[in-house]
């Protein structure tokens, strides 16, 4: 639905560790896909990660010093880009590499100036809320009562209502 040369619609899911971000992201991808949208996701990791297997040919290419290694099959492809000491790319840099889609859901990237929902769980309730200090948080999804805000508050498991809200905020076209 999105033209190839346009900037994709972006909406973020922020929150502290174990706040329910990934579960919410997965449910939203499922719901938006069910509605007929093409969804892409970006997950920000605060730790080193590897999607490759030690000893695989692609792993050996990277170990030999390849800048990028692309592995392709009949079902998917992945491009692994080694930073080799270069700074982490910005969210905008990554967004330019995303194929055309209707919506990019971002998990993490707490400090990015994109509209986002804060996920909160009672067990992580002791952590300071993000919304009071982030004007880009436009709603809260929680598994407990939140009554000290004027922002819309959703039940963390009310995927349909949250998806409706995100569609409205991002201006997703009706499918």
N, C-alpha and C. Protein backbone atom coordinates (compact mmCIF):
# COMPACT_ATOMS: atom_id res chain seq x y z
N UNK A 1 0.82 -1.20 0.00
CA UNK A 1 0.00 0.00 0.00
C UNK A 1 0.85 1.26 0.00
N UNK A 2 2.01 1.24 0.65
CA UNK A 2 2.87 2.40 0.72
C UNK A 2 3.70 2.50 -0.55
N UNK A 3 3.78 3.70 -1.11
CA UNK A 3 4.61 3.91 -2.29
C UNK A 3 6.08 3.73 -1.92
N UNK A 4 6.89 3.18 -2.82
CA UNK A 4 8.29 2.88 -2.49
C UNK A 4 9.10 4.09 -2.05
N UNK A 5 8.79 5.29 -2.54
CA UNK A 5 9.62 6.45 -2.22
C UNK A 5 9.12 7.26 -1.04
N UNK A 6 8.15 6.76 -0.30
CA UNK A 6 7.63 7.51 0.83
C UNK A 6 8.23 6.99 2.13
N UNK A 7 8.26 7.86 3.11
CA UNK A 7 8.73 7.47 4.44
C UNK A 7 7.63 6.63 5.08
N UNK A 8 7.97 5.49 5.64
CA UNK A 8 6.93 4.64 6.22
C UNK A 8 6.32 5.25 7.47
N UNK A 9 5.09 4.86 7.75
CA UNK A 9 4.48 5.21 9.03
C UNK A 9 5.22 4.43 10.11
N UNK A 10 5.49 5.09 11.21
CA UNK A 10 6.26 4.47 12.28
C UNK A 10 5.51 4.66 13.60
N UNK A 11 5.47 3.59 14.39
CA UNK A 11 4.89 3.68 15.72
C UNK A 11 5.73 2.80 16.64
N UNK A 12 6.02 3.31 17.83
CA UNK A 12 6.91 2.61 18.75
C UNK A 12 6.21 2.00 19.93
N UNK A 13 6.85 0.96 20.46
CA UNK A 13 6.42 0.33 21.71
C UNK A 13 7.62 0.42 22.64
N UNK A 14 7.46 1.19 23.71
CA UNK A 14 8.55 1.40 24.66
C UNK A 14 8.16 0.85 26.02
N UNK A 15 9.16 0.71 26.86
CA UNK A 15 8.93 0.24 28.22
C UNK A 15 10.20 -0.37 28.76
N UNK A 16 10.19 -0.59 30.05
CA UNK A 16 11.34 -1.21 30.69
C UNK A 16 11.39 -2.69 30.36
N UNK A 17 12.49 -3.34 30.66
CA UNK A 17 12.65 -4.77 30.45
C UNK A 17 11.52 -5.52 31.14
N UNK A 18 10.99 -6.54 30.49
CA UNK A 18 9.90 -7.39 31.00
C UNK A 18 8.58 -6.64 31.20
N UNK A 19 8.38 -5.57 30.43
CA UNK A 19 7.15 -4.81 30.57
C UNK A 19 6.05 -5.28 29.62
N UNK A 20 6.37 -6.23 28.74
CA UNK A 20 5.36 -6.73 27.82
C UNK A 20 5.49 -6.21 26.41
N UNK A 21 6.60 -5.55 26.09
CA UNK A 21 6.79 -4.96 24.76
C UNK A 21 6.73 -6.01 23.65
N UNK A 22 7.47 -7.08 23.79
CA UNK A 22 7.55 -8.06 22.71
C UNK A 22 6.20 -8.76 22.49
N UNK A 23 5.55 -9.15 23.57
CA UNK A 23 4.24 -9.78 23.44
C UNK A 23 3.25 -8.87 22.74
N UNK A 24 3.25 -7.60 23.12
CA UNK A 24 2.36 -6.62 22.48
C UNK A 24 2.72 -6.47 21.00
N UNK A 25 4.00 -6.36 20.70
CA UNK A 25 4.44 -6.21 19.31
C UNK A 25 3.97 -7.39 18.47
N UNK A 26 4.15 -8.60 18.97
CA UNK A 26 3.76 -9.81 18.23
C UNK A 26 2.24 -9.82 18.00
N UNK A 27 1.48 -9.50 19.03
CA UNK A 27 0.01 -9.47 18.88
C UNK A 27 -0.41 -8.40 17.88
N UNK A 28 0.25 -7.24 17.90
CA UNK A 28 -0.09 -6.18 16.96
C UNK A 28 0.25 -6.56 15.53
N UNK A 29 1.40 -7.19 15.33
CA UNK A 29 1.76 -7.65 13.98
C UNK A 29 0.69 -8.63 13.48
N UNK A 30 0.29 -9.56 14.33
CA UNK A 30 -0.73 -10.53 13.96
C UNK A 30 -2.04 -9.83 13.60
N UNK A 31 -2.46 -8.88 14.43
CA UNK A 31 -3.72 -8.17 14.19
C UNK A 31 -3.67 -7.32 12.93
N UNK A 32 -2.61 -6.54 12.76
CA UNK A 32 -2.52 -5.70 11.56
C UNK A 32 -2.42 -6.55 10.29
N UNK A 33 -1.71 -7.66 10.37
CA UNK A 33 -1.61 -8.56 9.22
C UNK A 33 -2.99 -9.15 8.90
N UNK A 34 -3.73 -9.53 9.94
CA UNK A 34 -5.09 -10.04 9.75
C UNK A 34 -5.96 -9.01 9.04
N UNK A 35 -5.72 -7.74 9.33
CA UNK A 35 -6.49 -6.65 8.71
C UNK A 35 -6.03 -6.35 7.29
N UNK A 36 -4.98 -6.99 6.85
CA UNK A 36 -4.53 -6.82 5.47
C UNK A 36 -3.39 -5.84 5.27
N UNK A 37 -2.77 -5.38 6.35
CA UNK A 37 -1.65 -4.45 6.25
C UNK A 37 -0.34 -5.22 6.11
N UNK A 38 0.62 -4.57 5.46
CA UNK A 38 1.98 -5.11 5.39
C UNK A 38 2.77 -4.41 6.51
N UNK A 39 3.25 -5.19 7.46
CA UNK A 39 3.91 -4.67 8.65
C UNK A 39 5.38 -5.08 8.66
N UNK A 40 6.24 -4.15 9.02
CA UNK A 40 7.64 -4.46 9.28
C UNK A 40 7.93 -4.09 10.73
N UNK A 41 8.95 -4.68 11.29
CA UNK A 41 9.32 -4.37 12.67
C UNK A 41 10.81 -4.09 12.77
N UNK A 42 11.16 -3.30 13.74
CA UNK A 42 12.55 -3.06 14.10
C UNK A 42 12.64 -3.26 15.60
N UNK A 43 13.54 -4.12 16.02
CA UNK A 43 13.76 -4.41 17.44
C UNK A 43 15.13 -3.86 17.81
N UNK A 44 15.18 -2.96 18.77
CA UNK A 44 16.47 -2.43 19.24
C UNK A 44 16.98 -3.30 20.37
N UNK A 45 18.22 -3.75 20.25
CA UNK A 45 18.84 -4.57 21.29
C UNK A 45 19.92 -3.76 21.99
N UNK A 46 19.99 -3.89 23.29
CA UNK A 46 21.02 -3.20 24.07
C UNK A 46 22.20 -4.10 24.34
N UNK A 47 22.26 -5.21 23.64
CA UNK A 47 23.33 -6.18 23.86
C UNK A 47 23.78 -6.71 22.52
N UNK A 48 24.90 -7.36 22.50
CA UNK A 48 25.41 -7.98 21.30
C UNK A 48 24.48 -9.14 20.93
N UNK A 49 24.30 -9.37 19.66
CA UNK A 49 23.47 -10.49 19.21
C UNK A 49 24.06 -11.03 17.92
N UNK A 50 23.66 -12.23 17.57
CA UNK A 50 24.09 -12.83 16.32
C UNK A 50 22.96 -13.70 15.80
N UNK A 51 22.59 -13.50 14.55
CA UNK A 51 21.54 -14.31 13.95
C UNK A 51 22.13 -15.46 13.15
N UNK A 52 23.44 -15.53 13.11
CA UNK A 52 24.15 -16.52 12.32
C UNK A 52 24.56 -17.69 13.20
N UNK A 53 24.93 -18.79 12.57
CA UNK A 53 25.39 -19.98 13.30
C UNK A 53 26.90 -20.14 13.11
N UNK A 54 27.59 -20.36 14.22
CA UNK A 54 29.03 -20.59 14.16
C UNK A 54 29.31 -21.75 13.20
N UNK A 55 30.23 -21.53 12.30
CA UNK A 55 30.62 -22.57 11.35
C UNK A 55 29.87 -22.53 10.03
N UNK A 56 28.71 -21.83 9.98
CA UNK A 56 27.96 -21.73 8.72
C UNK A 56 28.79 -20.94 7.71
N UNK A 57 28.53 -21.15 6.45
CA UNK A 57 29.27 -20.45 5.40
C UNK A 57 29.18 -18.93 5.57
N UNK A 58 27.96 -18.44 5.85
CA UNK A 58 27.79 -16.99 6.02
C UNK A 58 28.58 -16.49 7.23
N UNK A 59 28.63 -17.28 8.29
CA UNK A 59 29.41 -16.91 9.48
C UNK A 59 30.89 -16.81 9.09
N UNK A 60 31.35 -17.76 8.32
CA UNK A 60 32.76 -17.77 7.89
C UNK A 60 33.06 -16.56 7.01
N UNK A 61 32.10 -16.15 6.17
CA UNK A 61 32.30 -14.95 5.34
C UNK A 61 32.50 -13.72 6.24
N UNK A 62 31.66 -13.59 7.26
CA UNK A 62 31.77 -12.45 8.18
C UNK A 62 33.08 -12.49 8.94
N UNK A 63 33.44 -13.68 9.43
CA UNK A 63 34.70 -13.83 10.17
C UNK A 63 35.90 -13.49 9.30
N UNK A 64 35.78 -13.71 7.99
CA UNK A 64 36.87 -13.40 7.07
C UNK A 64 36.98 -11.90 6.82
N UNK A 65 35.95 -11.12 7.23
CA UNK A 65 36.03 -9.67 7.10
C UNK A 65 35.01 -9.02 6.18
N UNK A 66 34.05 -9.79 5.66
CA UNK A 66 33.05 -9.20 4.77
C UNK A 66 32.30 -8.08 5.49
N UNK A 67 32.07 -6.99 4.79
CA UNK A 67 31.34 -5.83 5.31
C UNK A 67 29.86 -6.16 5.47
N UNK A 68 29.27 -6.77 4.43
CA UNK A 68 27.90 -7.26 4.50
C UNK A 68 27.88 -8.67 3.92
N UNK A 69 27.05 -9.49 4.53
CA UNK A 69 26.83 -10.84 4.04
C UNK A 69 25.33 -10.99 3.88
N UNK A 70 24.91 -11.40 2.70
CA UNK A 70 23.51 -11.64 2.45
C UNK A 70 23.33 -13.14 2.23
N UNK A 71 22.41 -13.70 2.97
CA UNK A 71 22.09 -15.12 2.80
C UNK A 71 20.67 -15.19 2.25
N UNK A 72 20.51 -15.96 1.18
CA UNK A 72 19.27 -15.97 0.43
C UNK A 72 18.80 -17.41 0.22
N UNK A 73 17.50 -17.63 0.40
CA UNK A 73 16.90 -18.92 0.07
C UNK A 73 15.57 -18.65 -0.62
N UNK A 74 14.85 -19.69 -0.91
CA UNK A 74 13.55 -19.55 -1.55
C UNK A 74 12.46 -19.03 -0.63
N UNK A 75 12.75 -18.92 0.66
CA UNK A 75 11.74 -18.46 1.61
C UNK A 75 12.05 -17.12 2.27
N UNK A 76 13.33 -16.71 2.31
CA UNK A 76 13.68 -15.43 2.96
C UNK A 76 15.11 -15.07 2.62
N UNK A 77 15.45 -13.83 2.96
CA UNK A 77 16.85 -13.44 2.90
C UNK A 77 17.16 -12.55 4.09
N UNK A 78 18.41 -12.52 4.46
CA UNK A 78 18.86 -11.69 5.57
C UNK A 78 20.16 -11.03 5.15
N UNK A 79 20.28 -9.77 5.50
CA UNK A 79 21.52 -9.04 5.27
C UNK A 79 22.13 -8.76 6.63
N UNK A 80 23.32 -9.25 6.84
CA UNK A 80 24.04 -8.98 8.07
C UNK A 80 25.12 -7.96 7.76
N UNK A 81 25.06 -6.85 8.45
CA UNK A 81 25.98 -5.75 8.22
C UNK A 81 26.87 -5.62 9.46
N UNK A 82 28.15 -5.82 9.28
CA UNK A 82 29.09 -5.73 10.39
C UNK A 82 29.49 -4.27 10.60
N UNK A 83 29.37 -3.78 11.80
CA UNK A 83 29.76 -2.39 12.09
C UNK A 83 31.27 -2.25 12.23
N UNK A 84 31.92 -3.27 12.69
CA UNK A 84 33.39 -3.27 12.82
C UNK A 84 33.92 -1.95 13.40
N UNK A 85 33.31 -1.56 14.52
CA UNK A 85 33.77 -0.36 15.23
C UNK A 85 33.05 0.92 14.84
N UNK A 86 32.30 0.91 13.76
CA UNK A 86 31.54 2.10 13.37
C UNK A 86 30.39 2.29 14.36
N UNK A 87 29.87 3.49 14.46
CA UNK A 87 28.77 3.71 15.40
C UNK A 87 27.49 2.99 14.96
N UNK A 88 26.64 2.70 15.93
CA UNK A 88 25.35 2.10 15.65
C UNK A 88 24.57 3.02 14.72
N UNK A 89 23.92 2.48 13.69
CA UNK A 89 23.15 3.34 12.79
C UNK A 89 21.95 3.94 13.50
N UNK A 90 21.53 5.09 13.04
CA UNK A 90 20.36 5.74 13.62
C UNK A 90 19.10 5.02 13.16
N UNK A 91 18.02 5.27 13.86
CA UNK A 91 16.74 4.71 13.46
C UNK A 91 16.41 5.16 12.04
N UNK A 92 16.66 6.42 11.71
CA UNK A 92 16.38 6.91 10.36
C UNK A 92 17.18 6.15 9.31
N UNK A 93 18.44 5.85 9.61
CA UNK A 93 19.25 5.06 8.68
C UNK A 93 18.62 3.69 8.44
N UNK A 94 18.14 3.07 9.49
CA UNK A 94 17.53 1.74 9.37
C UNK A 94 16.22 1.84 8.61
N UNK A 95 15.43 2.88 8.88
CA UNK A 95 14.15 3.03 8.18
C UNK A 95 14.34 3.16 6.67
N UNK A 96 15.45 3.75 6.24
CA UNK A 96 15.69 3.88 4.80
C UNK A 96 15.96 2.53 4.14
N UNK A 97 16.32 1.54 4.94
CA UNK A 97 16.61 0.20 4.40
C UNK A 97 15.40 -0.72 4.41
N UNK A 98 14.33 -0.29 5.06
CA UNK A 98 13.12 -1.12 5.16
C UNK A 98 12.38 -1.08 3.83
N UNK A 99 11.93 -2.26 3.38
CA UNK A 99 11.13 -2.35 2.15
C UNK A 99 9.80 -1.62 2.36
N UNK A 100 9.18 -1.18 1.29
CA UNK A 100 7.89 -0.50 1.43
C UNK A 100 6.89 -1.34 2.22
N UNK A 101 6.19 -0.67 3.12
CA UNK A 101 5.20 -1.34 3.95
C UNK A 101 4.20 -0.30 4.41
N UNK A 102 3.16 -0.76 5.09
CA UNK A 102 2.13 0.15 5.59
C UNK A 102 2.49 0.76 6.94
N UNK A 103 3.21 -0.01 7.76
CA UNK A 103 3.55 0.46 9.10
C UNK A 103 4.80 -0.26 9.59
N UNK A 104 5.69 0.50 10.21
CA UNK A 104 6.85 -0.09 10.88
C UNK A 104 6.60 0.03 12.38
N UNK A 105 6.53 -1.10 13.05
CA UNK A 105 6.43 -1.12 14.50
C UNK A 105 7.83 -1.23 15.07
N UNK A 106 8.15 -0.35 15.99
CA UNK A 106 9.48 -0.31 16.57
C UNK A 106 9.38 -0.74 18.03
N UNK A 107 10.19 -1.71 18.40
CA UNK A 107 10.24 -2.14 19.80
C UNK A 107 11.54 -1.64 20.39
N UNK A 108 11.43 -0.89 21.46
CA UNK A 108 12.62 -0.29 22.07
C UNK A 108 12.76 1.15 21.61
N UNK A 109 13.98 1.58 21.40
CA UNK A 109 14.23 2.96 20.97
C UNK A 109 13.46 3.96 21.83
N UNK A 110 13.62 3.83 23.14
CA UNK A 110 12.90 4.69 24.09
C UNK A 110 13.06 6.18 23.81
N UNK A 111 14.21 6.59 23.31
CA UNK A 111 14.50 8.01 23.20
C UNK A 111 14.19 8.61 21.83
N UNK A 112 13.66 7.82 20.91
CA UNK A 112 13.39 8.32 19.56
C UNK A 112 12.12 9.17 19.55
N UNK A 113 12.14 10.25 18.75
CA UNK A 113 10.97 11.14 18.68
C UNK A 113 9.90 10.63 17.71
N UNK A 114 9.36 9.45 18.01
CA UNK A 114 8.26 8.88 17.22
C UNK A 114 7.10 8.61 18.17
N UNK A 115 5.87 8.63 17.65
CA UNK A 115 4.75 8.32 18.54
C UNK A 115 4.89 6.89 19.05
N UNK A 116 4.61 6.71 20.34
CA UNK A 116 4.77 5.38 20.91
C UNK A 116 3.82 5.18 22.08
N UNK A 117 3.66 3.90 22.39
CA UNK A 117 2.86 3.49 23.53
C UNK A 117 3.82 2.90 24.56
N UNK A 118 3.60 3.22 25.81
CA UNK A 118 4.43 2.65 26.87
C UNK A 118 3.75 1.40 27.42
N UNK A 119 4.47 0.28 27.37
CA UNK A 119 3.98 -0.97 27.96
C UNK A 119 4.42 -1.02 29.42
N UNK A 120 3.48 -1.40 30.29
CA UNK A 120 3.77 -1.47 31.73
C UNK A 120 3.13 -2.71 32.31
N UNK A 121 3.89 -3.40 33.12
CA UNK A 121 3.38 -4.54 33.88
C UNK A 121 3.52 -4.24 35.35
N UNK A 122 2.60 -4.76 36.14
CA UNK A 122 2.62 -4.53 37.58
C UNK A 122 3.94 -4.97 38.20
N UNK A 123 4.47 -6.12 37.74
CA UNK A 123 5.73 -6.62 38.32
C UNK A 123 6.91 -5.69 38.04
N UNK A 124 6.80 -4.86 36.99
CA UNK A 124 7.87 -3.88 36.74
C UNK A 124 7.40 -2.48 37.13
N UNK A 125 6.32 -2.43 37.91
CA UNK A 125 5.71 -1.17 38.32
C UNK A 125 6.65 -0.29 39.14
N UNK A 126 7.61 -0.90 39.81
CA UNK A 126 8.54 -0.12 40.63
C UNK A 126 9.44 0.76 39.76
N UNK A 127 9.59 0.42 38.48
CA UNK A 127 10.38 1.26 37.59
C UNK A 127 9.62 2.55 37.31
N UNK A 128 10.33 3.63 37.23
CA UNK A 128 9.71 4.93 36.96
C UNK A 128 9.01 4.91 35.59
N UNK A 129 7.79 5.43 35.51
CA UNK A 129 7.11 5.49 34.21
C UNK A 129 7.91 6.36 33.23
N UNK A 130 7.83 6.00 31.97
CA UNK A 130 8.52 6.78 30.93
C UNK A 130 7.70 7.98 30.48
N UNK A 131 6.37 7.83 30.48
CA UNK A 131 5.51 8.84 29.89
C UNK A 131 5.65 10.25 30.46
N UNK A 132 5.92 10.45 31.75
CA UNK A 132 5.98 11.83 32.23
C UNK A 132 7.14 12.63 31.60
N UNK A 133 8.18 11.94 31.16
CA UNK A 133 9.36 12.63 30.63
C UNK A 133 9.53 12.45 29.12
N UNK A 134 8.56 11.86 28.45
CA UNK A 134 8.66 11.63 27.02
C UNK A 134 7.39 12.12 26.33
N UNK A 135 7.46 13.28 25.68
CA UNK A 135 6.27 13.82 25.04
C UNK A 135 5.80 13.01 23.84
N UNK A 136 6.59 12.04 23.40
CA UNK A 136 6.23 11.22 22.25
C UNK A 136 5.41 9.98 22.64
N UNK A 137 5.30 9.72 23.94
CA UNK A 137 4.43 8.64 24.39
C UNK A 137 3.00 9.18 24.35
N UNK A 138 2.18 8.54 23.51
CA UNK A 138 0.82 9.03 23.28
C UNK A 138 -0.24 8.16 23.94
N UNK A 139 0.18 7.04 24.55
CA UNK A 139 -0.75 6.16 25.24
C UNK A 139 0.03 5.20 26.12
N UNK A 140 -0.69 4.51 26.99
CA UNK A 140 -0.10 3.53 27.90
C UNK A 140 -0.90 2.24 27.77
N UNK A 141 -0.20 1.12 27.74
CA UNK A 141 -0.84 -0.20 27.77
C UNK A 141 -0.32 -0.89 29.02
N UNK A 142 -1.21 -1.24 29.94
CA UNK A 142 -0.78 -1.78 31.23
C UNK A 142 -1.67 -2.94 31.67
N UNK A 143 -1.11 -3.78 32.54
CA UNK A 143 -1.88 -4.87 33.11
C UNK A 143 -2.41 -4.50 34.50
N UNK A 144 -2.36 -3.21 34.81
CA UNK A 144 -2.85 -2.73 36.10
C UNK A 144 -3.40 -1.31 35.90
N UNK A 145 -4.11 -0.82 36.89
CA UNK A 145 -4.72 0.51 36.79
C UNK A 145 -3.64 1.59 36.75
N UNK A 146 -3.82 2.53 35.85
CA UNK A 146 -2.98 3.73 35.76
C UNK A 146 -3.94 4.90 35.84
N UNK A 147 -3.85 5.69 36.88
CA UNK A 147 -4.82 6.77 37.03
C UNK A 147 -4.19 8.14 37.20
N UNK A 148 -2.88 8.24 37.04
CA UNK A 148 -2.23 9.54 37.24
C UNK A 148 -1.77 10.15 35.92
N UNK A 149 -2.57 9.96 34.85
CA UNK A 149 -2.22 10.48 33.54
C UNK A 149 -3.48 10.90 32.79
N UNK A 150 -3.30 11.79 31.84
CA UNK A 150 -4.38 12.18 30.94
C UNK A 150 -4.30 11.42 29.62
N UNK A 151 -3.24 10.60 29.46
CA UNK A 151 -3.07 9.82 28.23
C UNK A 151 -4.09 8.69 28.18
N UNK A 152 -4.45 8.26 26.98
CA UNK A 152 -5.30 7.06 26.88
C UNK A 152 -4.58 5.87 27.50
N UNK A 153 -5.31 5.06 28.27
CA UNK A 153 -4.74 3.87 28.90
C UNK A 153 -5.53 2.66 28.41
N UNK A 154 -4.79 1.67 27.92
CA UNK A 154 -5.39 0.44 27.41
C UNK A 154 -4.95 -0.73 28.27
N UNK A 155 -5.80 -1.75 28.32
CA UNK A 155 -5.38 -3.01 28.92
C UNK A 155 -4.28 -3.57 28.02
N UNK A 156 -3.21 -4.03 28.59
CA UNK A 156 -2.07 -4.55 27.84
C UNK A 156 -2.47 -5.65 26.87
N UNK A 157 -3.53 -6.39 27.18
CA UNK A 157 -3.97 -7.48 26.32
C UNK A 157 -5.10 -7.11 25.35
N UNK A 158 -5.52 -5.85 25.34
CA UNK A 158 -6.61 -5.42 24.44
C UNK A 158 -6.02 -5.03 23.09
N UNK A 159 -5.54 -6.04 22.38
CA UNK A 159 -4.82 -5.83 21.12
C UNK A 159 -5.65 -5.08 20.09
N UNK A 160 -6.92 -5.42 19.96
CA UNK A 160 -7.75 -4.77 18.94
C UNK A 160 -7.90 -3.27 19.21
N UNK A 161 -8.14 -2.90 20.45
CA UNK A 161 -8.29 -1.48 20.78
C UNK A 161 -6.98 -0.73 20.57
N UNK A 162 -5.87 -1.36 20.94
CA UNK A 162 -4.56 -0.72 20.74
C UNK A 162 -4.28 -0.59 19.25
N UNK A 163 -4.59 -1.62 18.47
CA UNK A 163 -4.39 -1.55 17.01
C UNK A 163 -5.26 -0.45 16.41
N UNK A 164 -6.51 -0.34 16.84
CA UNK A 164 -7.38 0.74 16.35
C UNK A 164 -6.77 2.11 16.65
N UNK A 165 -6.25 2.26 17.87
CA UNK A 165 -5.64 3.52 18.28
C UNK A 165 -4.42 3.84 17.40
N UNK A 166 -3.55 2.85 17.19
CA UNK A 166 -2.35 3.06 16.38
C UNK A 166 -2.74 3.39 14.94
N UNK A 167 -3.73 2.70 14.40
CA UNK A 167 -4.20 2.98 13.04
C UNK A 167 -4.67 4.42 12.93
N UNK A 168 -5.38 4.89 13.94
CA UNK A 168 -5.89 6.26 13.95
C UNK A 168 -4.74 7.27 14.06
N UNK A 169 -3.81 7.03 14.99
CA UNK A 169 -2.69 7.96 15.22
C UNK A 169 -1.78 8.05 13.98
N UNK A 170 -1.56 6.93 13.32
CA UNK A 170 -0.64 6.91 12.17
C UNK A 170 -1.33 7.19 10.84
N UNK A 171 -2.65 7.24 10.84
CA UNK A 171 -3.38 7.50 9.61
C UNK A 171 -3.36 6.33 8.63
N UNK A 172 -3.33 5.12 9.17
CA UNK A 172 -3.37 3.94 8.29
C UNK A 172 -4.67 3.99 7.47
N UNK A 173 -4.57 3.73 6.18
CA UNK A 173 -5.80 3.71 5.37
C UNK A 173 -6.67 2.53 5.75
N UNK A 174 -7.95 2.66 5.57
CA UNK A 174 -8.87 1.57 5.85
C UNK A 174 -8.64 0.48 4.82
N UNK A 175 -8.54 -0.76 5.32
CA UNK A 175 -8.30 -1.88 4.39
C UNK A 175 -9.60 -2.41 3.84
